[in-house]
């Protein structure tokens, strides 16, 4: 897919609190306060501060690791060069949502009443 448009305004996601995570066999969803959410269907890279990054494909296997972002806020958010998304949380966890599939959607971002597909 094409990824997030270069001009997308991600600033409304900054400071949002993670209030819920939902896991499926092939996807997972991050729900934030104030009606923002991300449905992740593609690969991502998860990294705790001071550790090596882990590429994630089967989210249900990493549910306990990913749950460490619950209750924390997005401290920094930016668009990756590939059209993906880089999220850094207030507990120093980093999650990169990759846009690495030409044929399938990698993630959906729902923010301020708008929907973005990458």
C-alpha atoms as a PDB file:
ATOM      1  CA  UNK A   1       0.000   0.000   0.000  1.00  0.00           C
ATOM      2  CA  UNK A   2       1.009   3.638  -0.249  1.00  0.00           C
ATOM      3  CA  UNK A   3       1.398   4.366   3.443  1.00  0.00           C
ATOM      4  CA  UNK A   4       0.424   7.457   5.364  1.00  0.00           C
ATOM      5  CA  UNK A   5       0.437  10.620   3.273  1.00  0.00           C
ATOM      6  CA  UNK A   6       3.502  12.801   3.930  1.00  0.00           C
ATOM      7  CA  UNK A   7       1.313  15.732   4.976  1.00  0.00           C
ATOM      8  CA  UNK A   8      -0.685  13.800   7.612  1.00  0.00           C
ATOM      9  CA  UNK A   9      -0.982  15.692  10.913  1.00  0.00           C
ATOM     10  CA  UNK A  10      -0.134  13.199  13.650  1.00  0.00           C
ATOM     11  CA  UNK A  11       0.132  15.789  16.428  1.00  0.00           C
ATOM     12  CA  UNK A  12      -3.371  15.012  17.814  1.00  0.00           C
ATOM     13  CA  UNK A  13      -2.097  11.512  18.688  1.00  0.00           C
ATOM     14  CA  UNK A  14       0.647  12.910  20.908  1.00  0.00           C
ATOM     15  CA  UNK A  15      -0.322  12.787  24.576  1.00  0.00           C
ATOM     16  CA  UNK A  16      -3.117  10.257  24.033  1.00  0.00           C
ATOM     17  CA  UNK A  17      -3.378   7.512  26.640  1.00  0.00           C
ATOM     18  CA  UNK A  18      -3.561   3.834  25.668  1.00  0.00           C
ATOM     19  CA  UNK A  19      -6.778   2.592  27.263  1.00  0.00           C
ATOM     20  CA  UNK A  20      -7.249  -0.804  25.579  1.00  0.00           C
ATOM     21  CA  UNK A  21      -5.442  -3.408  23.466  1.00  0.00           C
ATOM     22  CA  UNK A  22      -7.356  -6.030  21.484  1.00  0.00           C
ATOM     23  CA  UNK A  23      -5.629  -9.102  20.043  1.00  0.00           C
ATOM     24  CA  UNK A  24      -6.656 -11.433  17.224  1.00  0.00           C
ATOM     25  CA  UNK A  25      -4.878 -14.195  15.357  1.00  0.00           C
ATOM     26  CA  UNK A  26      -3.597 -11.889  12.618  1.00  0.00           C
ATOM     27  CA  UNK A  27      -4.029  -8.358  13.971  1.00  0.00           C
ATOM     28  CA  UNK A  28      -4.276  -6.179  17.017  1.00  0.00           C
ATOM     29  CA  UNK A  29      -5.827  -2.866  17.907  1.00  0.00           C
ATOM     30  CA  UNK A  30      -4.579  -0.030  20.077  1.00  0.00           C
ATOM     31  CA  UNK A  31      -7.354   2.145  21.480  1.00  0.00           C
ATOM     32  CA  UNK A  32      -6.555   5.553  22.865  1.00  0.00           C
ATOM     33  CA  UNK A  33      -8.605   8.026  24.849  1.00  0.00           C
ATOM     34  CA  UNK A  34     -10.566  10.670  22.940  1.00  0.00           C
ATOM     35  CA  UNK A  35     -11.737   8.282  20.216  1.00  0.00           C
ATOM     36  CA  UNK A  36      -8.450   7.461  18.476  1.00  0.00           C
ATOM     37  CA  UNK A  37      -7.364   3.954  17.494  1.00  0.00           C
ATOM     38  CA  UNK A  38      -5.006   1.992  15.290  1.00  0.00           C
ATOM     39  CA  UNK A  39      -5.824  -1.405  13.779  1.00  0.00           C
ATOM     40  CA  UNK A  40      -2.543  -3.160  12.977  1.00  0.00           C
ATOM     41  CA  UNK A  41      -2.611  -5.924  10.363  1.00  0.00           C
ATOM     42  CA  UNK A  42       0.984  -5.889   9.131  1.00  0.00           C
ATOM     43  CA  UNK A  43       4.343  -6.354  10.765  1.00  0.00           C
ATOM     44  CA  UNK A  44       5.736  -4.087  13.424  1.00  0.00           C
ATOM     45  CA  UNK A  45       8.897  -3.643  15.429  1.00  0.00           C
ATOM     46  CA  UNK A  46       8.687  -3.528  19.225  1.00  0.00           C
ATOM     47  CA  UNK A  47      11.542  -2.276  21.398  1.00  0.00           C
ATOM     48  CA  UNK A  48      11.971  -1.726  25.102  1.00  0.00           C
ATOM     49  CA  UNK A  49      14.583   0.806  26.141  1.00  0.00           C
ATOM     50  CA  UNK A  50      18.026  -0.786  26.134  1.00  0.00           C
ATOM     51  CA  UNK A  51      16.973  -3.974  24.324  1.00  0.00           C
ATOM     52  CA  UNK A  52      17.167  -5.243  20.778  1.00  0.00           C
ATOM     53  CA  UNK A  53      14.117  -4.637  18.579  1.00  0.00           C
ATOM     54  CA  UNK A  54      11.728  -7.542  17.920  1.00  0.00           C
ATOM     55  CA  UNK A  55       9.823  -7.917  14.686  1.00  0.00           C
ATOM     56  CA  UNK A  56       6.238  -8.972  15.394  1.00  0.00           C
ATOM     57  CA  UNK A  57       3.917 -10.815  13.025  1.00  0.00           C
ATOM     58  CA  UNK A  58       1.722 -12.905  15.320  1.00  0.00           C
ATOM     59  CA  UNK A  59       0.500 -10.379  17.840  1.00  0.00           C
ATOM     60  CA  UNK A  60      -1.297 -12.810  20.102  1.00  0.00           C
ATOM     61  CA  UNK A  61       2.099 -14.353  20.930  1.00  0.00           C
ATOM     62  CA  UNK A  62       3.374 -10.966  22.117  1.00  0.00           C
ATOM     63  CA  UNK A  63       0.238  -9.857  23.979  1.00  0.00           C
ATOM     64  CA  UNK A  64       1.916  -9.786  27.387  1.00  0.00           C
ATOM     65  CA  UNK A  65       4.893  -7.800  26.071  1.00  0.00           C
ATOM     66  CA  UNK A  66       2.735  -5.310  24.192  1.00  0.00           C
ATOM     67  CA  UNK A  67       0.464  -4.806  27.199  1.00  0.00           C
ATOM     68  CA  UNK A  68       3.195  -2.744  28.887  1.00  0.00           C
ATOM     69  CA  UNK A  69       1.923   0.324  26.993  1.00  0.00           C
ATOM     70  CA  UNK A  70      -1.501   0.195  28.710  1.00  0.00           C
ATOM     71  CA  UNK A  71      -2.078   3.348  30.720  1.00  0.00           C
ATOM     72  CA  UNK A  72       0.854   5.179  29.153  1.00  0.00           C
ATOM     73  CA  UNK A  73       0.695   8.060  26.721  1.00  0.00           C
ATOM     74  CA  UNK A  74       2.202   8.658  23.313  1.00  0.00           C
ATOM     75  CA  UNK A  75       5.197  10.912  23.927  1.00  0.00           C
ATOM     76  CA  UNK A  76       6.330  11.145  20.288  1.00  0.00           C
ATOM     77  CA  UNK A  77       4.708  10.144  17.016  1.00  0.00           C
ATOM     78  CA  UNK A  78       6.028  10.464  13.488  1.00  0.00           C
ATOM     79  CA  UNK A  79       5.620   9.127   9.988  1.00  0.00           C
ATOM     80  CA  UNK A  80       8.322   6.705   8.892  1.00  0.00           C
ATOM     81  CA  UNK A  81       9.980   7.186   5.503  1.00  0.00           C
ATOM     82  CA  UNK A  82       8.181   4.077   4.218  1.00  0.00           C
ATOM     83  CA  UNK A  83       4.770   5.579   5.130  1.00  0.00           C
ATOM     84  CA  UNK A  84       4.585   3.615   8.366  1.00  0.00           C
ATOM     85  CA  UNK A  85       4.217   5.014  11.858  1.00  0.00           C
ATOM     86  CA  UNK A  86       6.654   5.395  14.746  1.00  0.00           C
ATOM     87  CA  UNK A  87       5.145   5.592  18.241  1.00  0.00           C
ATOM     88  CA  UNK A  88       7.180   6.263  21.359  1.00  0.00           C
ATOM     89  CA  UNK A  89       5.391   5.930  24.674  1.00  0.00           C
ATOM     90  CA  UNK A  90       5.964   7.667  28.003  1.00  0.00           C
ATOM     91  CA  UNK A  91       7.418   4.449  29.465  1.00  0.00           C
ATOM     92  CA  UNK A  92      10.164   4.476  26.780  1.00  0.00           C
ATOM     93  CA  UNK A  93       8.608   1.691  24.689  1.00  0.00           C
ATOM     94  CA  UNK A  94       8.894   2.128  20.930  1.00  0.00           C
ATOM     95  CA  UNK A  95       6.517   0.600  18.392  1.00  0.00           C
ATOM     96  CA  UNK A  96       7.125   0.975  14.663  1.00  0.00           C
ATOM     97  CA  UNK A  97       4.227   0.055  12.404  1.00  0.00           C
ATOM     98  CA  UNK A  98       5.731  -0.984   9.095  1.00  0.00           C
ATOM     99  CA  UNK A  99       4.280  -0.300   5.681  1.00  0.00           C
ATOM    100  CA  UNK A 100       6.002  -3.210   3.981  1.00  0.00           C
ATOM    101  CA  UNK A 101       3.314  -4.890   1.890  1.00  0.00           C
ATOM    102  CA  UNK A 102       2.527  -3.911  -1.681  1.00  0.00           C
ATOM    103  CA  UNK A 103      -0.694  -5.945  -1.799  1.00  0.00           C
ATOM    104  CA  UNK A 104      -2.191  -5.717   1.686  1.00  0.00           C
ATOM    105  CA  UNK A 105      -3.036  -3.038   4.192  1.00  0.00           C
ATOM    106  CA  UNK A 106      -0.557  -2.749   7.051  1.00  0.00           C
ATOM    107  CA  UNK A 107      -2.604  -0.632   9.454  1.00  0.00           C
ATOM    108  CA  UNK A 108      -5.569   1.726   9.769  1.00  0.00           C
ATOM    109  CA  UNK A 109      -5.304   4.912  11.789  1.00  0.00           C
ATOM    110  CA  UNK A 110      -8.520   6.505  13.051  1.00  0.00           C
ATOM    111  CA  UNK A 111      -7.881   9.998  14.386  1.00  0.00           C
ATOM    112  CA  UNK A 112     -10.138  13.037  14.841  1.00  0.00           C
ATOM    113  CA  UNK A 113     -12.930  11.559  12.737  1.00  0.00           C
ATOM    114  CA  UNK A 114     -10.597  10.719   9.822  1.00  0.00           C
ATOM    115  CA  UNK A 115      -9.356   7.367   8.621  1.00  0.00           C
ATOM    116  CA  UNK A 116      -5.911   6.710   7.117  1.00  0.00           C
ATOM    117  CA  UNK A 117      -4.882   3.424   5.519  1.00  0.00           C
ATOM    118  CA  UNK A 118      -1.285   2.320   5.071  1.00  0.00           C
END
